[in-house]
Amino acid sequence: MEHELYWGLPVILYLFLAGMGAGATVVGASMMLRGGGGPRGVHHEIARYGALLGPIPVIVGVAAIVFELGSWQAGHYFRFINLFLMANLSPMSVGSWLLVAFIVTSLMYAYTYLPFLPMLFGDRLKWRVWLAWINIPLGIGVAVYTGVLLGSMPSRPFWNSPMLAFLFLISALSTGTALIIFARSFITRGGLSEEQREVVHKSGYVLASADVTMIAFEILAVFLFVMFAYLTVGDVRYAIDTILPGGPLAGLFWGGVVLIGLAIPGLVELYHVAPSVIYKKKYEVSRYTEMVLAILVIVGGFLLRYVVVVAGQITGPVGV
């Protein structure tokens, strides 16, 4: 049976990029508040990468969904503006305003990490702290919204799970952390002083520990998502067969999302983090290993959105 997919790559990219960008901002802002945000150090480096990287994927993702909603092929270039002209409490309307608020405040937050640009008014550090506090709940809201948007459609039983929003939130934080790890490892080169190398190792340990924790929570969320649907009767139980062994998306879900995106990077990171936690050994891992693991996590996050969006569209209420 052929299924027409109304939501294609632009929507999948939007859900993925918005979540990853929001996650990077939340992780960076949390590290900034933990480290004070003032003197350069382990938390300052993580916070700076999170602040500067976070808004970019969100803006690109929003551009993708605007392109999709705008019906450009039909010449309706500004159709998306209708979301802001009608005030209601629908998930898409609330989410649209949430995205606008996050993009504005995250760009302001990123500006505070550009020392070569003058602050128009006020103290840079004070603005940085206030904007970090603002962007953490906004970023979490954006990450959760990507799951709520799908879950608000009762005609798609695969999406009607209370675990979907939680799964997307944890995945957003994990991919956001991976984005920071990749950028940090890609930019960091040789020729560092002893003090700079110490900061790099410490920040790598903090990020790897955070990512291992997020991956563990995401594996738990995947388990709860699958078990909730499997133990339910009716439409939801029928829909979950899509990703169970023998289903059309089983290989992509278990091989791509769970194995490549979660199990492999999680085990490798745990292998490097555990000695530092248990035996207090110095955390050391090559930048190339960090980059590869970060890419695996990011690819897994994209495949998760792909599987969820496609599975929701090729399944429907029983008998439909």
C-alpha atoms as a PDB file:
ATOM      1  CA  MET A   1       0.000   0.000   0.000  1.00  0.00           C
ATOM      2  CA  GLU A   2       1.395   3.392  -1.042  1.00  0.00           C
ATOM      3  CA  HIS A   3       1.276   6.273   1.420  1.00  0.00           C
ATOM      4  CA  GLU A   4       1.505   9.930   0.455  1.00  0.00           C
ATOM      5  CA  LEU A   5       3.837  11.856   2.737  1.00  0.00           C
ATOM      6  CA  TYR A   6       2.562  15.393   3.199  1.00  0.00           C
ATOM      7  CA  TRP A   7       5.349  16.256   5.623  1.00  0.00           C
ATOM      8  CA  GLY A   8       8.690  15.709   3.956  1.00  0.00           C
ATOM      9  CA  LEU A   9      12.312  16.717   4.412  1.00  0.00           C
ATOM     10  CA  PRO A  10      11.696  20.420   5.256  1.00  0.00           C
ATOM     11  CA  VAL A  11       9.519  19.471   8.243  1.00  0.00           C
ATOM     12  CA  ILE A  12      11.975  16.803   9.386  1.00  0.00           C
ATOM     13  CA  LEU A  13      14.858  19.278   9.141  1.00  0.00           C
ATOM     14  CA  TYR A  14      12.841  21.845  11.070  1.00  0.00           C
ATOM     15  CA  LEU A  15      12.105  19.451  13.937  1.00  0.00           C
ATOM     16  CA  PHE A  16      15.718  18.302  14.025  1.00  0.00           C
ATOM     17  CA  LEU A  17      17.505  21.642  13.643  1.00  0.00           C
ATOM     18  CA  ALA A  18      15.199  23.549  15.991  1.00  0.00           C
ATOM     19  CA  GLY A  19      15.712  20.928  18.678  1.00  0.00           C
ATOM     20  CA  MET A  20      19.486  20.731  18.228  1.00  0.00           C
ATOM     21  CA  GLY A  21      19.938  24.509  18.237  1.00  0.00           C
ATOM     22  CA  ALA A  22      17.738  24.951  21.285  1.00  0.00           C
ATOM     23  CA  GLY A  23      19.598  22.129  23.023  1.00  0.00           C
ATOM     24  CA  ALA A  24      22.988  23.715  22.319  1.00  0.00           C
ATOM     25  CA  THR A  25      21.811  27.027  23.754  1.00  0.00           C
ATOM     26  CA  VAL A  26      20.363  25.380  26.879  1.00  0.00           C
ATOM     27  CA  VAL A  27      23.523  23.346  27.509  1.00  0.00           C
ATOM     28  CA  GLY A  28      25.776  26.352  26.945  1.00  0.00           C
ATOM     29  CA  ALA A  29      23.669  28.675  29.105  1.00  0.00           C
ATOM     30  CA  SER A  30      23.543  26.094  31.900  1.00  0.00           C
ATOM     31  CA  MET A  31      27.323  25.774  31.823  1.00  0.00           C
ATOM     32  CA  MET A  32      27.687  29.565  31.832  1.00  0.00           C
ATOM     33  CA  LEU A  33      25.538  29.925  34.941  1.00  0.00           C
ATOM     34  CA  ARG A  34      27.406  27.083  36.597  1.00  0.00           C
ATOM     35  CA  GLY A  35      30.792  28.671  35.856  1.00  0.00           C
ATOM     36  CA  GLY A  36      29.855  32.302  36.398  1.00  0.00           C
ATOM     37  CA  GLY A  37      30.451  33.376  32.807  1.00  0.00           C
ATOM     38  CA  GLY A  38      33.254  35.749  33.717  1.00  0.00           C
ATOM     39  CA  PRO A  39      36.894  34.579  33.610  1.00  0.00           C
ATOM     40  CA  ARG A  40      37.871  32.297  30.752  1.00  0.00           C
ATOM     41  CA  GLY A  41      37.819  28.668  31.788  1.00  0.00           C
ATOM     42  CA  VAL A  42      36.192  25.317  31.201  1.00  0.00           C
ATOM     43  CA  HIS A  43      32.608  26.513  31.520  1.00  0.00           C
ATOM     44  CA  HIS A  44      33.233  29.740  29.640  1.00  0.00           C
ATOM     45  CA  GLU A  45      34.453  27.820  26.591  1.00  0.00           C
ATOM     46  CA  ILE A  46      31.432  25.504  26.557  1.00  0.00           C
ATOM     47  CA  ALA A  47      29.060  28.413  27.132  1.00  0.00           C
ATOM     48  CA  ARG A  48      30.592  30.431  24.302  1.00  0.00           C
ATOM     49  CA  TYR A  49      30.245  27.608  21.770  1.00  0.00           C
ATOM     50  CA  GLY A  50      26.650  26.964  22.864  1.00  0.00           C
ATOM     51  CA  ALA A  51      25.709  30.639  22.641  1.00  0.00           C
ATOM     52  CA  LEU A  52      27.255  31.237  19.221  1.00  0.00           C
ATOM     53  CA  LEU A  53      26.089  27.966  17.636  1.00  0.00           C
ATOM     54  CA  GLY A  54      22.585  27.645  19.100  1.00  0.00           C
ATOM     55  CA  PRO A  55      20.634  30.230  17.065  1.00  0.00           C
ATOM     56  CA  ILE A  56      22.022  29.103  13.687  1.00  0.00           C
ATOM     57  CA  PRO A  57      20.292  25.681  13.362  1.00  0.00           C
ATOM     58  CA  VAL A  58      17.041  27.127  14.726  1.00  0.00           C
ATOM     59  CA  ILE A  59      17.014  29.904  12.118  1.00  0.00           C
ATOM     60  CA  VAL A  60      17.820  27.439   9.317  1.00  0.00           C
ATOM     61  CA  GLY A  61      15.100  25.067  10.550  1.00  0.00           C
ATOM     62  CA  VAL A  62      12.521  27.838  10.734  1.00  0.00           C
ATOM     63  CA  ALA A  63      13.468  28.898   7.198  1.00  0.00           C
ATOM     64  CA  ALA A  64      12.848  25.310   6.052  1.00  0.00           C
ATOM     65  CA  ILE A  65       9.384  25.164   7.635  1.00  0.00           C
ATOM     66  CA  VAL A  66       8.487  28.622   6.286  1.00  0.00           C
ATOM     67  CA  PHE A  67       9.421  27.363   2.837  1.00  0.00           C
ATOM     68  CA  GLU A  68       7.173  24.336   3.385  1.00  0.00           C
ATOM     69  CA  LEU A  69       4.206  26.246   4.823  1.00  0.00           C
ATOM     70  CA  GLY A  70       4.482  29.061   2.328  1.00  0.00           C
ATOM     71  CA  SER A  71       3.338  26.911  -0.597  1.00  0.00           C
ATOM     72  CA  TRP A  72       5.930  28.624  -2.770  1.00  0.00           C
ATOM     73  CA  GLN A  73       5.006  26.477  -5.726  1.00  0.00           C
ATOM     74  CA  ALA A  74       1.534  28.048  -5.660  1.00  0.00           C
ATOM     75  CA  GLY A  75       2.891  31.569  -5.217  1.00  0.00           C
ATOM     76  CA  HIS A  76       1.723  31.979  -1.581  1.00  0.00           C
ATOM     77  CA  TYR A  77       5.043  33.363  -0.382  1.00  0.00           C
ATOM     78  CA  PHE A  78       3.870  34.948   2.868  1.00  0.00           C
ATOM     79  CA  ARG A  79       1.276  32.441   3.975  1.00  0.00           C
ATOM     80  CA  PHE A  80       3.204  31.702   7.177  1.00  0.00           C
ATOM     81  CA  ILE A  81       2.377  35.205   8.480  1.00  0.00           C
ATOM     82  CA  ASN A  82      -1.164  33.953   9.190  1.00  0.00           C
ATOM     83  CA  LEU A  83       0.265  32.137  12.223  1.00  0.00           C
ATOM     84  CA  PHE A  84       0.898  35.529  13.836  1.00  0.00           C
ATOM     85  CA  LEU A  85      -2.312  37.239  12.725  1.00  0.00           C
ATOM     86  CA  MET A  86      -4.674  34.879  14.546  1.00  0.00           C
ATOM     87  CA  ALA A  87      -4.232  34.709  18.311  1.00  0.00           C
ATOM     88  CA  ASN A  88      -5.140  31.249  19.613  1.00  0.00           C
ATOM     89  CA  LEU A  89      -3.736  28.546  21.844  1.00  0.00           C
ATOM     90  CA  SER A  90      -3.114  25.942  19.156  1.00  0.00           C
ATOM     91  CA  PRO A  91       0.290  24.222  19.441  1.00  0.00           C
ATOM     92  CA  MET A  92       1.444  25.655  16.109  1.00  0.00           C
ATOM     93  CA  SER A  93       0.459  29.226  17.028  1.00  0.00           C
ATOM     94  CA  VAL A  94       2.005  29.086  20.503  1.00  0.00           C
ATOM     95  CA  GLY A  95       5.094  27.384  19.103  1.00  0.00           C
ATOM     96  CA  SER A  96       5.507  30.053  16.429  1.00  0.00           C
ATOM     97  CA  TRP A  97       5.607  32.819  19.028  1.00  0.00           C
ATOM     98  CA  LEU A  98       7.926  30.699  21.178  1.00  0.00           C
ATOM     99  CA  LEU A  99      10.328  30.325  18.266  1.00  0.00           C
ATOM    100  CA  VAL A 100      10.321  34.063  17.580  1.00  0.00           C
ATOM    101  CA  ALA A 101      11.044  34.826  21.242  1.00  0.00           C
ATOM    102  CA  PHE A 102      13.831  32.249  21.358  1.00  0.00           C
ATOM    103  CA  ILE A 103      15.502  33.438  18.156  1.00  0.00           C
ATOM    104  CA  VAL A 104      15.503  37.068  19.326  1.00  0.00           C
ATOM    105  CA  THR A 105      16.808  36.347  22.835  1.00  0.00           C
ATOM    106  CA  SER A 106      19.343  33.728  21.696  1.00  0.00           C
ATOM    107  CA  LEU A 107      20.800  36.186  19.168  1.00  0.00           C
ATOM    108  CA  MET A 108      21.046  38.787  21.930  1.00  0.00           C
ATOM    109  CA  TYR A 109      22.729  36.188  24.128  1.00  0.00           C
ATOM    110  CA  ALA A 110      25.194  35.274  21.368  1.00  0.00           C
ATOM    111  CA  TYR A 111      26.008  38.984  20.935  1.00  0.00           C
ATOM    112  CA  THR A 112      27.341  39.109  24.501  1.00  0.00           C
ATOM    113  CA  TYR A 113      30.026  36.599  23.479  1.00  0.00           C
ATOM    114  CA  LEU A 114      31.367  38.830  20.700  1.00  0.00           C
ATOM    115  CA  PRO A 115      33.868  41.047  22.538  1.00  0.00           C
ATOM    116  CA  PHE A 116      34.898  42.887  19.370  1.00  0.00           C
ATOM    117  CA  LEU A 117      31.375  44.346  19.150  1.00  0.00           C
ATOM    118  CA  PRO A 118      30.481  47.097  21.634  1.00  0.00           C
ATOM    119  CA  MET A 119      27.606  46.692  24.080  1.00  0.00           C
ATOM    120  CA  LEU A 120      24.993  49.295  23.223  1.00  0.00           C
ATOM    121  CA  PHE A 121      23.967  49.691  26.842  1.00  0.00           C
ATOM    122  CA  GLY A 122      24.598  48.023  30.190  1.00  0.00           C
ATOM    123  CA  ASP A 123      27.263  45.620  31.385  1.00  0.00           C
ATOM    124  CA  ARG A 124      28.112  42.673  29.097  1.00  0.00           C
ATOM    125  CA  LEU A 125      28.349  40.094  31.884  1.00  0.00           C
ATOM    126  CA  LYS A 126      25.071  41.157  33.512  1.00  0.00           C
ATOM    127  CA  TRP A 127      23.254  40.908  30.185  1.00  0.00           C
ATOM    128  CA  ARG A 128      24.856  37.522  29.591  1.00  0.00           C
ATOM    129  CA  VAL A 129      23.588  36.172  32.910  1.00  0.00           C
ATOM    130  CA  TRP A 130      20.068  37.534  32.470  1.00  0.00           C
ATOM    131  CA  LEU A 131      19.795  36.256  28.904  1.00  0.00           C
ATOM    132  CA  ALA A 132      21.098  32.835  29.966  1.00  0.00           C
ATOM    133  CA  TRP A 133      18.304  32.574  32.536  1.00  0.00           C
ATOM    134  CA  ILE A 134      15.779  33.589  29.859  1.00  0.00           C
ATOM    135  CA  ASN A 135      17.068  31.257  27.151  1.00  0.00           C
ATOM    136  CA  ILE A 136      17.114  28.095  29.259  1.00  0.00           C
ATOM    137  CA  PRO A 137      13.300  27.878  29.675  1.00  0.00           C
ATOM    138  CA  LEU A 138      12.726  29.202  26.152  1.00  0.00           C
ATOM    139  CA  GLY A 139      15.120  26.621  24.702  1.00  0.00           C
ATOM    140  CA  ILE A 140      13.486  23.808  26.654  1.00  0.00           C
ATOM    141  CA  GLY A 141      10.116  25.068  25.427  1.00  0.00           C
ATOM    142  CA  VAL A 142      11.260  24.976  21.796  1.00  0.00           C
ATOM    143  CA  ALA A 143      12.662  21.448  22.190  1.00  0.00           C
ATOM    144  CA  VAL A 144       9.471  20.180  23.854  1.00  0.00           C
ATOM    145  CA  TYR A 145       7.279  21.977  21.315  1.00  0.00           C
ATOM    146  CA  THR A 146       8.714  19.941  18.442  1.00  0.00           C
ATOM    147  CA  GLY A 147       7.245  16.836  20.090  1.00  0.00           C
ATOM    148  CA  VAL A 148       4.009  18.497  21.216  1.00  0.00           C
ATOM    149  CA  LEU A 149       3.366  19.664  17.640  1.00  0.00           C
ATOM    150  CA  LEU A 150       3.228  16.065  16.425  1.00  0.00           C
ATOM    151  CA  GLY A 151       1.410  14.739  19.483  1.00  0.00           C
ATOM    152  CA  SER A 152      -1.432  17.221  18.998  1.00  0.00           C
ATOM    153  CA  MET A 153      -2.696  15.328  15.928  1.00  0.00           C
ATOM    154  CA  PRO A 154      -5.139  12.625  17.108  1.00  0.00           C
ATOM    155  CA  SER A 155      -5.483  11.128  13.635  1.00  0.00           C
ATOM    156  CA  ARG A 156      -1.865   9.939  13.796  1.00  0.00           C
ATOM    157  CA  PRO A 157      -1.691   7.316  16.577  1.00  0.00           C
ATOM    158  CA  PHE A 158       2.080   6.840  16.276  1.00  0.00           C
ATOM    159  CA  TRP A 159       2.521  10.394  17.531  1.00  0.00           C
ATOM    160  CA  ASN A 160      -0.052  10.125  20.332  1.00  0.00           C
ATOM    161  CA  SER A 161       2.377   9.206  23.076  1.00  0.00           C
ATOM    162  CA  PRO A 162       3.045  11.185  26.261  1.00  0.00           C
ATOM    163  CA  MET A 163       6.692  10.144  25.877  1.00  0.00           C
ATOM    164  CA  LEU A 164       7.247  11.804  22.495  1.00  0.00           C
ATOM    165  CA  ALA A 165       7.807  15.326  23.835  1.00  0.00           C
ATOM    166  CA  PHE A 166      10.177  13.985  26.509  1.00  0.00           C
ATOM    167  CA  LEU A 167      12.045  11.922  23.905  1.00  0.00           C
ATOM    168  CA  PHE A 168      12.472  14.950  21.637  1.00  0.00           C
ATOM    169  CA  LEU A 169      13.619  17.101  24.580  1.00  0.00           C
ATOM    170  CA  ILE A 170      16.343  14.657  25.632  1.00  0.00           C
ATOM    171  CA  SER A 171      17.386  14.153  22.008  1.00  0.00           C
ATOM    172  CA  ALA A 172      17.617  17.934  21.567  1.00  0.00           C
ATOM    173  CA  LEU A 173      19.915  18.256  24.582  1.00  0.00           C
ATOM    174  CA  SER A 174      22.026  15.313  23.390  1.00  0.00           C
ATOM    175  CA  THR A 175      22.420  16.574  19.812  1.00  0.00           C
ATOM    176  CA  GLY A 176      23.004  20.100  21.118  1.00  0.00           C
ATOM    177  CA  THR A 177      25.829  18.796  23.298  1.00  0.00           C
ATOM    178  CA  ALA A 178      27.204  16.858  20.321  1.00  0.00           C
ATOM    179  CA  LEU A 179      27.132  20.014  18.199  1.00  0.00           C
ATOM    180  CA  ILE A 180      29.241  21.840  20.800  1.00  0.00           C
ATOM    181  CA  ILE A 181      31.646  18.883  21.024  1.00  0.00           C
ATOM    182  CA  PHE A 182      32.058  18.753  17.242  1.00  0.00           C
ATOM    183  CA  ALA A 183      32.637  22.499  16.850  1.00  0.00           C
ATOM    184  CA  ARG A 184      35.052  22.610  19.766  1.00  0.00           C
ATOM    185  CA  SER A 185      37.042  19.615  18.475  1.00  0.00           C
ATOM    186  CA  PHE A 186      37.024  20.884  14.884  1.00  0.00           C
ATOM    187  CA  ILE A 187      38.277  24.359  15.802  1.00  0.00           C
ATOM    188  CA  THR A 188      40.822  23.317  18.441  1.00  0.00           C
ATOM    189  CA  ARG A 189      44.278  22.882  16.928  1.00  0.00           C
ATOM    190  CA  GLY A 190      47.767  22.103  18.193  1.00  0.00           C
ATOM    191  CA  GLY A 191      50.238  24.573  19.617  1.00  0.00           C
ATOM    192  CA  LEU A 192      48.294  25.165  22.816  1.00  0.00           C
ATOM    193  CA  SER A 193      49.931  26.111  26.069  1.00  0.00           C
ATOM    194  CA  GLU A 194      49.805  23.744  29.031  1.00  0.00           C
ATOM    195  CA  GLU A 195      47.059  25.824  30.623  1.00  0.00           C
ATOM    196  CA  GLN A 196      45.028  25.844  27.405  1.00  0.00           C
ATOM    197  CA  ARG A 197      45.394  22.071  27.007  1.00  0.00           C
ATOM    198  CA  GLU A 198      44.167  21.621  30.574  1.00  0.00           C
ATOM    199  CA  VAL A 199      41.070  23.694  29.805  1.00  0.00           C
ATOM    200  CA  VAL A 200      40.447  21.669  26.626  1.00  0.00           C
ATOM    201  CA  HIS A 201      40.700  18.362  28.515  1.00  0.00           C
ATOM    202  CA  LYS A 202      38.424  19.570  31.306  1.00  0.00           C
ATOM    203  CA  SER A 203      35.794  20.904  28.916  1.00  0.00           C
ATOM    204  CA  GLY A 204      35.970  17.652  26.940  1.00  0.00           C
ATOM    205  CA  TYR A 205      35.370  15.676  30.119  1.00  0.00           C
ATOM    206  CA  VAL A 206      32.406  17.854  31.130  1.00  0.00           C
ATOM    207  CA  LEU A 207      30.830  17.597  27.672  1.00  0.00           C
ATOM    208  CA  ALA A 208      31.417  13.840  27.348  1.00  0.00           C
ATOM    209  CA  SER A 209      29.959  13.239  30.814  1.00  0.00           C
ATOM    210  CA  ALA A 210      26.913  15.341  29.946  1.00  0.00           C
ATOM    211  CA  ASP A 211      26.458  13.528  26.638  1.00  0.00           C
ATOM    212  CA  VAL A 212      26.714  10.080  28.252  1.00  0.00           C
ATOM    213  CA  THR A 213      24.049  11.136  30.739  1.00  0.00           C
ATOM    214  CA  MET A 214      21.778  12.464  27.992  1.00  0.00           C
ATOM    215  CA  ILE A 215      22.253   9.304  25.918  1.00  0.00           C
ATOM    216  CA  ALA A 216      21.313   7.156  28.926  1.00  0.00           C
ATOM    217  CA  PHE A 217      18.142   9.192  29.434  1.00  0.00           C
ATOM    218  CA  GLU A 218      17.376   9.022  25.717  1.00  0.00           C
ATOM    219  CA  ILE A 219      17.710   5.232  25.684  1.00  0.00           C
ATOM    220  CA  LEU A 220      15.297   5.159  28.626  1.00  0.00           C
ATOM    221  CA  ALA A 221      12.920   7.481  26.756  1.00  0.00           C
ATOM    222  CA  VAL A 222      13.057   5.259  23.655  1.00  0.00           C
ATOM    223  CA  PHE A 223      12.307   2.201  25.795  1.00  0.00           C
ATOM    224  CA  LEU A 224       9.342   3.922  27.470  1.00  0.00           C
ATOM    225  CA  PHE A 225       8.064   5.240  24.129  1.00  0.00           C
ATOM    226  CA  VAL A 226       8.097   1.766  22.576  1.00  0.00           C
ATOM    227  CA  MET A 227       6.721  -0.026  25.644  1.00  0.00           C
ATOM    228  CA  PHE A 228       3.899   2.483  26.139  1.00  0.00           C
ATOM    229  CA  ALA A 229       2.716   1.886  22.590  1.00  0.00           C
ATOM    230  CA  TYR A 230       3.325  -1.870  22.666  1.00  0.00           C
ATOM    231  CA  LEU A 231       1.307  -2.375  25.860  1.00  0.00           C
ATOM    232  CA  THR A 232      -1.538  -0.183  24.611  1.00  0.00           C
ATOM    233  CA  VAL A 233      -4.493  -1.539  22.661  1.00  0.00           C
ATOM    234  CA  GLY A 234      -6.042  -0.162  19.501  1.00  0.00           C
ATOM    235  CA  ASP A 235      -4.558   2.313  17.050  1.00  0.00           C
ATOM    236  CA  VAL A 236      -1.371   3.082  18.976  1.00  0.00           C
ATOM    237  CA  ARG A 237      -0.506  -0.614  19.355  1.00  0.00           C
ATOM    238  CA  TYR A 238      -1.025  -1.111  15.625  1.00  0.00           C
ATOM    239  CA  ALA A 239       1.096   1.926  14.714  1.00  0.00           C
ATOM    240  CA  ILE A 240       4.159   0.890  16.743  1.00  0.00           C
ATOM    241  CA  ASP A 241       4.524  -2.240  14.584  1.00  0.00           C
ATOM    242  CA  THR A 242       6.092   0.082  12.010  1.00  0.00           C
ATOM    243  CA  ILE A 243       9.354   0.195  13.976  1.00  0.00           C
ATOM    244  CA  LEU A 244       9.220  -3.243  15.608  1.00  0.00           C
ATOM    245  CA  PRO A 245      11.161  -6.136  14.008  1.00  0.00           C
ATOM    246  CA  GLY A 246       9.639  -6.856  10.612  1.00  0.00           C
ATOM    247  CA  GLY A 247       8.232  -3.347  10.255  1.00  0.00           C
ATOM    248  CA  PRO A 248       9.153  -1.099   7.294  1.00  0.00           C
ATOM    249  CA  LEU A 249      11.177   1.296   9.479  1.00  0.00           C
ATOM    250  CA  ALA A 250      12.581  -1.234  11.969  1.00  0.00           C
ATOM    251  CA  GLY A 251      16.063  -1.330  10.444  1.00  0.00           C
ATOM    252  CA  LEU A 252      16.391   2.440  10.328  1.00  0.00           C
ATOM    253  CA  PHE A 253      15.116   2.832  13.884  1.00  0.00           C
ATOM    254  CA  TRP A 254      17.071   0.095  15.648  1.00  0.00           C
ATOM    255  CA  GLY A 255      20.149   0.224  13.435  1.00  0.00           C
ATOM    256  CA  GLY A 256      20.322   3.957  12.789  1.00  0.00           C
ATOM    257  CA  VAL A 257      18.772   5.603  15.836  1.00  0.00           C
ATOM    258  CA  VAL A 258      19.486   3.128  18.628  1.00  0.00           C
ATOM    259  CA  LEU A 259      22.746   1.472  17.511  1.00  0.00           C
ATOM    260  CA  ILE A 260      24.566   4.196  15.559  1.00  0.00           C
ATOM    261  CA  GLY A 261      23.088   7.248  17.266  1.00  0.00           C
ATOM    262  CA  LEU A 262      22.946   6.037  20.872  1.00  0.00           C
ATOM    263  CA  ALA A 263      24.643   2.739  21.744  1.00  0.00           C
ATOM    264  CA  ILE A 264      27.974   3.165  19.935  1.00  0.00           C
ATOM    265  CA  PRO A 265      28.728   6.778  20.946  1.00  0.00           C
ATOM    266  CA  GLY A 266      27.380   6.162  24.441  1.00  0.00           C
ATOM    267  CA  LEU A 267      29.593   3.121  25.055  1.00  0.00           C
ATOM    268  CA  VAL A 268      32.709   4.762  23.608  1.00  0.00           C
ATOM    269  CA  GLU A 269      32.196   7.929  25.654  1.00  0.00           C
ATOM    270  CA  LEU A 270      31.539   5.856  28.764  1.00  0.00           C
ATOM    271  CA  TYR A 271      34.777   3.952  28.119  1.00  0.00           C
ATOM    272  CA  HIS A 272      36.708   7.228  28.215  1.00  0.00           C
ATOM    273  CA  VAL A 273      34.724   8.910  31.004  1.00  0.00           C
ATOM    274  CA  ALA A 274      34.499   6.007  33.485  1.00  0.00           C
ATOM    275  CA  PRO A 275      38.226   5.932  34.453  1.00  0.00           C
ATOM    276  CA  SER A 276      38.073   9.647  35.275  1.00  0.00           C
ATOM    277  CA  VAL A 277      35.005   9.127  37.448  1.00  0.00           C
ATOM    278  CA  ILE A 278      36.095   5.923  39.201  1.00  0.00           C
ATOM    279  CA  TYR A 279      39.885   6.190  39.348  1.00  0.00           C
ATOM    280  CA  LYS A 280      40.255   9.986  39.016  1.00  0.00           C
ATOM    281  CA  LYS A 281      42.436   9.523  35.947  1.00  0.00           C
ATOM    282  CA  LYS A 282      43.001  12.383  33.540  1.00  0.00           C
ATOM    283  CA  TYR A 283      40.427  12.469  30.743  1.00  0.00           C
ATOM    284  CA  GLU A 284      42.132  12.191  27.365  1.00  0.00           C
ATOM    285  CA  VAL A 285      40.626  11.412  23.979  1.00  0.00           C
ATOM    286  CA  SER A 286      41.669  12.448  20.481  1.00  0.00           C
ATOM    287  CA  ARG A 287      39.798  15.291  18.807  1.00  0.00           C
ATOM    288  CA  TYR A 288      39.049  13.010  15.850  1.00  0.00           C
ATOM    289  CA  THR A 289      37.341  10.499  18.125  1.00  0.00           C
ATOM    290  CA  GLU A 290      35.281  13.304  19.638  1.00  0.00           C
ATOM    291  CA  MET A 291      34.276  14.547  16.180  1.00  0.00           C
ATOM    292  CA  VAL A 292      33.236  11.091  14.938  1.00  0.00           C
ATOM    293  CA  LEU A 293      31.187  10.364  18.065  1.00  0.00           C
ATOM    294  CA  ALA A 294      29.511  13.772  17.837  1.00  0.00           C
ATOM    295  CA  ILE A 295      28.606  13.126  14.194  1.00  0.00           C
ATOM    296  CA  LEU A 296      27.070   9.756  15.131  1.00  0.00           C
ATOM    297  CA  VAL A 297      24.908  11.385  17.813  1.00  0.00           C
ATOM    298  CA  ILE A 298      23.795  14.133  15.418  1.00  0.00           C
ATOM    299  CA  VAL A 299      22.989  11.632  12.652  1.00  0.00           C
ATOM    300  CA  GLY A 300      21.037   9.541  15.159  1.00  0.00           C
ATOM    301  CA  GLY A 301      19.048  12.613  16.203  1.00  0.00           C
ATOM    302  CA  PHE A 302      18.133  13.341  12.592  1.00  0.00           C
ATOM    303  CA  LEU A 303      17.144   9.723  11.934  1.00  0.00           C
ATOM    304  CA  LEU A 304      14.936   9.772  15.041  1.00  0.00           C
ATOM    305  CA  ARG A 305      12.917  12.681  13.617  1.00  0.00           C
ATOM    306  CA  TYR A 306      12.848  11.039  10.202  1.00  0.00           C
ATOM    307  CA  VAL A 307      11.508   7.755  11.547  1.00  0.00           C
ATOM    308  CA  VAL A 308       8.923   9.435  13.786  1.00  0.00           C
ATOM    309  CA  VAL A 309       7.621  11.783  11.081  1.00  0.00           C
ATOM    310  CA  VAL A 310       7.445   9.088   8.391  1.00  0.00           C
ATOM    311  CA  ALA A 311       6.008   6.412  10.707  1.00  0.00           C
ATOM    312  CA  GLY A 312       3.268   8.780  11.811  1.00  0.00           C
ATOM    313  CA  GLN A 313       2.238   9.375   8.208  1.00  0.00           C
ATOM    314  CA  ILE A 314       2.251   5.785   6.980  1.00  0.00           C
ATOM    315  CA  THR A 315       0.063   4.672   9.879  1.00  0.00           C
ATOM    316  CA  GLY A 316      -3.387   5.862  10.846  1.00  0.00           C
ATOM    317  CA  PRO A 317      -6.420   4.800  12.847  1.00  0.00           C
ATOM    318  CA  VAL A 318      -7.269   1.124  12.424  1.00  0.00           C
ATOM    319  CA  GLY A 319      -9.602   0.680   9.498  1.00  0.00           C
ATOM    320  CA  VAL A 320      -8.598   3.946   7.799  1.00  0.00           C
END
